[in-house]
Each structure stands twice: as structure tokens, then as C-alpha cells.
Amino acid sequence: MSITVCNITNLNKGNEAFYLSMMLDSALEFADEIVCVLDQPDSNSILLNKEFINQHKNKRIKFYKLNFQENFSLGRQLAQDNATSDWVLWLDADEVLHEKVTEELPKILNELAPDIDGAHVQYIHFINDFAHIDNSEPFHYGLYRLYKNFPEIKFKRETHSLPDKRWQKVVVIPNIVIFHLGYLRGMFKIRERFERNNRLGSFHLPFHQVTWRDWHYFGIYPTKLFNPEDIPAVIKKHYLMEV
């Protein structure tokens, strides 16, 4: 039972190459092929795409380039049209699967394949750090993230695009979990600063550097409350606090 991981990405976005590299590492643990469509609206993105492709050469990874910008359905359709496996799983650049899931996925598909067309899976969103996850709903669904590779599937919505077809049977598989790192963008700066200081720093001992990293990573940085009314107006303006 073969599986294609599909992805669309704009490498012009902040640190997207870092996240996409991590997603590819995760997908290579189980995918028979990976179809990645890179947005290419300008000369800067052309250069970024070429550099990234050269760094991630693998016979299982197929890169395509398309100027889709904010019409994500165009990029998704191109990826879908070039998926050749029995099943398709969508992962965004800032999403990965746990290694326990990648080990179980072939077995899950073999057991379910005769009876279902597709599946909703579980989402886990890290919020701000690695110690907190989204609890705004009891269960977060990744809608139609896994499905059989039907040739008639189309993508029509520009944003939050979902595969469109007449589904016969779609189930929820909660033990397939996608970990989403999109709300951890600030953690990249922590990682970047820790890597630099750990490699070059001489002022702080390694113990202090690791402690500083983990304070940020796991939300345990020593803090005290601050009165929101004392926040400068310019910060409120640019962070849209008064909208």
C-alpha cells in the first residue's frame, strides 16, 4: 500500500526552509514519494527554490514550481495531479508526524483500505512553546488529510483548500496525529540564538545557555505580570491590540 505526501510551500516566508526540511525528514520515514510544489512569484523565490532543491535531492522527492501565491488551490491541484501512490497524505511545511505513527501507518492503511475513501486525523498545535498545546476544543481535526488517490479529486478553494469529490466513507483516525509548529515561529529565533551562543559564546557557561533555552522552549521563563495599560501605544498599534 503506497503513500504520497503532498505539500505546497512558499520559501519566501520566514524560516520556511527550516520547517520544510523538518517535514521532509518526517515524511521520508514512511512515504513512497513526496510531491512538493514551491511557490515561484519572483526572482528571489526562484533562487531560494533552486538552492533548496539542490540541498534536498532524493529520488523519492519530486519538486514542482508554480506561481500560485495566495491561490493555494492551484498549488494543491498540481501536487495532487502528480501523486502516483495509492494514498495521499497532506502535510504543510510546519507539520510533522510522530515516529510512532510513521511505523504504524502502513498497517493502518492495509487494515482500513477496503472499507474507506479517506480519513480525518488529529491535529496537535503547539502554542508559543513546546510545553503547551491548543486546548480550545476537545479534539482538533485535520479534515481530509488522508485519502485514496482518486483521479477525479479537485481543489477549488483559494484558502483552506480541501479535496473535493463525492466521498462514500470518511472516518476519523485519532491515532494518526499531525504535530503543527506554526505557532512556534518565535522558537526559531530562540533556537538560532542558542545554536550561535552554544557554538561561539564564552561569556555564559553551557549550563546557563541550556537553562535559558529550556526556559523558552517549555514556557518556564521566570516572569511577573505586567499591566497592559502600560504597553506603549506604538506596540498596541502594530500588534493590532486595538482592532
Protein backbone atom coordinates (compact mmCIF):
# COMPACT_ATOMS: atom_id res chain seq x y z
CA MET A 1 0.00 0.00 0.00
CA SER A 2 1.91 3.04 -1.26
CA ILE A 3 1.54 6.60 0.01
CA THR A 4 2.38 10.05 -1.38
CA VAL A 5 2.92 13.03 0.89
CA CYS A 6 1.81 16.26 -0.82
CA ASN A 7 2.89 19.75 0.16
CA ILE A 8 2.82 23.32 -1.14
CA THR A 9 5.23 25.90 0.24
CA ASN A 10 6.37 29.47 -0.20
CA LEU A 11 10.04 29.57 0.77
CA ASN A 12 9.93 33.39 0.84
CA LYS A 13 8.09 33.20 4.16
CA GLY A 14 10.18 33.49 7.30
CA ASN A 15 12.19 30.35 8.14
CA GLU A 16 10.05 28.22 5.83
CA ALA A 17 13.08 26.32 4.53
CA PHE A 18 13.88 25.22 8.10
CA TYR A 19 10.35 23.90 8.64
CA LEU A 20 10.08 22.27 5.23
CA SER A 21 13.38 20.43 5.80
CA MET A 22 11.95 19.06 9.05
CA MET A 23 8.72 17.99 7.34
CA LEU A 24 10.68 16.20 4.60
CA ASP A 25 12.72 14.34 7.23
CA SER A 26 9.47 13.18 8.81
CA ALA A 27 7.87 12.18 5.51
CA LEU A 28 10.91 10.26 4.31
CA GLU A 29 10.38 7.88 7.23
CA PHE A 30 7.31 6.38 5.55
CA ALA A 31 6.37 7.97 2.21
CA ASP A 32 6.93 6.21 -1.11
CA GLU A 33 7.06 9.62 -2.75
CA ILE A 34 6.82 13.27 -1.74
CA VAL A 35 5.34 15.83 -4.11
CA CYS A 36 6.30 19.38 -3.15
CA VAL A 37 5.09 22.43 -5.08
CA LEU A 38 7.17 25.55 -4.44
CA ASP A 39 5.62 28.96 -5.00
CA GLN A 40 7.62 30.98 -7.52
CA PRO A 41 6.28 34.53 -7.89
CA ASP A 42 9.57 36.42 -8.26
CA SER A 43 13.32 36.18 -8.88
CA ASN A 44 14.10 35.86 -5.17
CA SER A 45 11.87 32.81 -4.83
CA ILE A 46 13.40 31.28 -7.97
CA LEU A 47 16.83 31.49 -6.33
CA LEU A 48 15.56 30.14 -2.99
CA ASN A 49 13.78 27.26 -4.68
CA LYS A 50 16.83 26.27 -6.72
CA GLU A 51 19.06 26.33 -3.65
CA PHE A 52 16.61 24.30 -1.56
CA ILE A 53 16.09 21.68 -4.28
CA ASN A 54 19.85 21.23 -4.66
CA GLN A 55 20.16 20.66 -0.91
CA HIS A 56 17.37 18.08 -0.76
CA LYS A 57 17.98 15.78 -3.71
CA ASN A 58 16.28 12.44 -3.17
CA LYS A 59 14.72 10.09 -5.69
CA ARG A 60 11.53 9.99 -3.61
CA ILE A 61 11.09 13.78 -3.59
CA LYS A 62 9.56 15.45 -6.66
CA PHE A 63 9.73 19.25 -6.74
CA TYR A 64 7.48 21.39 -8.93
CA LYS A 65 7.46 25.18 -9.25
CA LEU A 66 4.39 27.31 -9.81
CA ASN A 67 3.36 30.92 -9.26
CA PHE A 68 0.29 30.24 -7.09
CA GLN A 69 0.83 32.89 -4.36
CA GLU A 70 -2.38 33.09 -2.27
CA ASN A 71 -4.48 30.90 -4.57
CA PHE A 72 -3.46 27.72 -2.76
CA SER A 73 -5.87 25.58 -4.77
CA LEU A 74 -3.60 25.94 -7.82
CA GLY A 75 -0.60 24.57 -5.96
CA ARG A 76 -2.63 21.81 -4.31
CA GLN A 77 -4.07 20.69 -7.63
CA LEU A 78 -0.62 20.47 -9.21
CA ALA A 79 0.62 18.35 -6.32
CA GLN A 80 -2.48 16.15 -6.46
CA ASP A 81 -2.17 15.64 -10.21
CA ASN A 82 1.40 14.40 -9.79
CA ALA A 83 0.77 11.99 -6.90
CA THR A 84 1.10 8.41 -8.10
CA SER A 85 0.63 6.34 -4.93
CA ASP A 86 -2.48 4.53 -3.66
CA TRP A 87 -2.98 7.04 -0.83
CA VAL A 88 -2.32 10.76 -0.40
CA LEU A 89 -1.42 12.47 2.88
CA TRP A 90 -1.15 16.26 3.09
CA LEU A 91 1.47 17.85 5.33
CA ASP A 92 2.17 21.58 5.45
CA ALA A 93 5.77 22.75 5.76
CA ASP A 94 5.39 23.32 9.51
CA GLU A 95 3.85 19.90 10.22
CA VAL A 96 5.34 16.50 11.07
CA LEU A 97 4.23 13.04 12.15
CA HIS A 98 5.46 11.29 15.26
CA GLU A 99 7.82 8.40 14.52
CA LYS A 100 5.40 6.02 16.27
CA VAL A 101 2.73 6.99 13.72
CA THR A 102 5.05 6.55 10.75
CA GLU A 103 5.79 3.00 11.93
CA GLU A 104 2.08 2.14 12.24
CA LEU A 105 0.80 3.93 9.13
CA PRO A 106 1.28 1.08 6.59
CA LYS A 107 -0.55 -1.32 8.92
CA ILE A 108 -3.39 1.19 9.44
CA LEU A 109 -3.82 1.67 5.71
CA ASN A 110 -3.77 -2.05 4.96
CA GLU A 111 -6.46 -2.68 7.56
CA LEU A 112 -8.72 0.21 6.50
CA ALA A 113 -8.15 0.31 2.75
CA PRO A 114 -11.05 -1.94 1.68
CA ASP A 115 -13.63 -0.01 3.70
CA ILE A 116 -12.91 3.73 3.48
CA ASP A 117 -12.23 6.50 0.98
CA GLY A 118 -10.43 8.82 3.34
CA ALA A 119 -9.84 9.95 6.89
CA HIS A 120 -9.81 12.95 9.16
CA VAL A 121 -6.86 12.83 11.56
CA GLN A 122 -5.92 14.52 14.81
CA TYR A 123 -4.13 17.86 14.98
CA ILE A 124 -1.88 18.88 17.85
CA HIS A 125 -0.99 22.58 17.78
CA PHE A 126 1.95 23.67 19.92
CA ILE A 127 1.16 27.13 21.28
CA ASN A 128 4.06 29.54 21.90
CA ASP A 129 6.36 26.83 23.29
CA PHE A 130 6.82 23.05 23.43
CA ALA A 131 5.07 22.68 26.80
CA HIS A 132 1.65 23.99 25.74
CA ILE A 133 -0.81 22.74 23.12
CA ASP A 134 -4.09 24.16 21.93
CA ASN A 135 -6.98 23.18 24.19
CA SER A 136 -9.66 25.47 22.73
CA GLU A 137 -11.55 22.37 21.52
CA PRO A 138 -11.58 18.81 22.89
CA PHE A 139 -10.36 17.42 19.56
CA HIS A 140 -8.75 19.21 16.62
CA TYR A 141 -9.50 17.66 13.25
CA GLY A 142 -7.22 17.62 10.24
CA LEU A 143 -10.01 17.36 7.66
CA TYR A 144 -9.48 15.05 4.67
CA ARG A 145 -5.74 14.93 5.29
CA LEU A 146 -5.53 11.26 4.25
CA TYR A 147 -7.44 9.72 1.37
CA LYS A 148 -7.30 7.30 -1.52
CA ASN A 149 -5.78 8.77 -4.65
CA PHE A 150 -8.88 9.15 -6.79
CA PRO A 151 -8.20 10.73 -10.22
CA GLU A 152 -11.32 12.93 -10.02
CA ILE A 153 -10.22 14.83 -6.90
CA LYS A 154 -10.17 18.61 -7.37
CA PHE A 155 -9.13 21.58 -5.25
CA LYS A 156 -11.24 24.71 -5.71
CA ARG A 157 -11.00 26.94 -2.63
CA GLU A 158 -8.23 29.53 -2.66
CA THR A 159 -7.55 29.17 1.08
CA HIS A 160 -8.04 26.25 3.47
CA SER A 161 -8.48 24.17 0.36
CA LEU A 162 -9.98 20.70 0.86
CA PRO A 163 -10.13 17.85 -1.65
CA ASP A 164 -13.46 17.88 -3.46
CA LYS A 165 -15.24 14.70 -4.59
CA ARG A 166 -18.28 12.59 -3.73
CA TRP A 167 -16.92 10.77 -0.70
CA GLN A 168 -18.52 7.44 0.15
CA LYS A 169 -16.99 6.79 3.56
CA VAL A 170 -14.68 9.06 5.53
CA VAL A 171 -13.70 8.15 9.09
CA VAL A 172 -11.76 9.75 11.94
CA ILE A 173 -8.46 8.08 12.82
CA PRO A 174 -7.37 9.78 16.06
CA ASN A 175 -4.15 7.79 16.42
CA ILE A 176 -2.80 9.44 13.27
CA VAL A 177 -1.58 12.73 14.70
CA ILE A 178 -0.16 15.72 12.84
CA PHE A 179 2.01 17.97 15.00
CA HIS A 180 1.69 21.59 13.90
CA LEU A 181 4.53 24.02 14.68
CA GLY A 182 3.08 27.11 13.02
CA TYR A 183 2.53 28.94 16.31
CA LEU A 184 6.15 28.36 17.34
CA ARG A 185 7.69 30.81 14.91
CA GLY A 186 9.31 32.67 17.78
CA MET A 187 11.01 29.45 18.88
CA PHE A 188 13.15 29.53 15.74
CA LYS A 189 14.80 32.71 16.99
CA ILE A 190 15.48 31.00 20.33
CA ARG A 191 16.98 28.01 18.53
CA GLU A 192 19.04 30.31 16.30
CA ARG A 193 20.38 32.30 19.22
CA PHE A 194 21.08 29.18 21.31
CA GLU A 195 22.95 27.50 18.43
CA ARG A 196 25.09 30.60 17.89
CA ASN A 197 25.84 31.17 21.57
CA ASN A 198 26.47 27.50 22.24
CA ARG A 199 28.93 27.42 19.34
CA LEU A 200 30.66 30.74 19.85
CA GLY A 201 29.75 32.06 23.28
CA SER A 202 32.28 32.29 26.10
CA PHE A 203 30.54 34.67 28.49
CA HIS A 204 27.91 32.19 29.75
CA LEU A 205 28.68 28.61 30.72
CA PRO A 206 26.98 25.84 28.68
CA PHE A 207 24.75 25.06 31.67
CA HIS A 208 23.39 28.61 31.67
CA GLN A 209 22.86 28.52 27.90
CA VAL A 210 20.87 25.27 28.10
CA THR A 211 18.82 26.64 31.01
CA TRP A 212 18.00 29.78 29.01
CA ARG A 213 16.97 27.64 26.01
CA ASP A 214 14.69 25.41 28.08
CA TRP A 215 13.09 28.36 29.86
CA HIS A 216 11.88 29.46 26.43
CA TYR A 217 11.22 26.03 24.92
CA PHE A 218 8.99 24.83 27.77
CA GLY A 219 7.33 28.03 28.94
CA ILE A 220 9.06 28.21 32.32
CA TYR A 221 10.90 31.51 31.91
CA PRO A 222 10.72 33.42 35.24
CA THR A 223 8.18 36.20 34.73
CA LYS A 224 5.84 38.53 36.58
CA LEU A 225 2.61 40.20 35.46
CA PHE A 226 2.72 43.49 33.58
CA ASN A 227 -0.14 45.96 33.34
CA PRO A 228 -1.43 46.02 29.71
CA GLU A 229 -2.33 49.69 30.12
CA ASP A 230 1.39 50.46 30.37
CA ILE A 231 2.22 48.97 26.98
CA PRO A 232 3.36 51.73 24.56
CA ALA A 233 0.76 52.82 22.03
CA VAL A 234 3.04 52.05 19.10
CA ILE A 235 3.25 48.39 20.19
CA LYS A 236 -0.53 48.22 20.54
CA LYS A 237 -0.91 49.72 17.08
CA HIS A 238 1.42 47.34 15.27
CA TYR A 239 0.22 44.23 17.14
CA LEU A 240 -3.41 45.16 16.35
CA MET A 241 -4.37 45.25 20.03
CA GLU A 242 -6.99 47.90 19.46
CA VAL A 243 -8.76 46.41 16.45
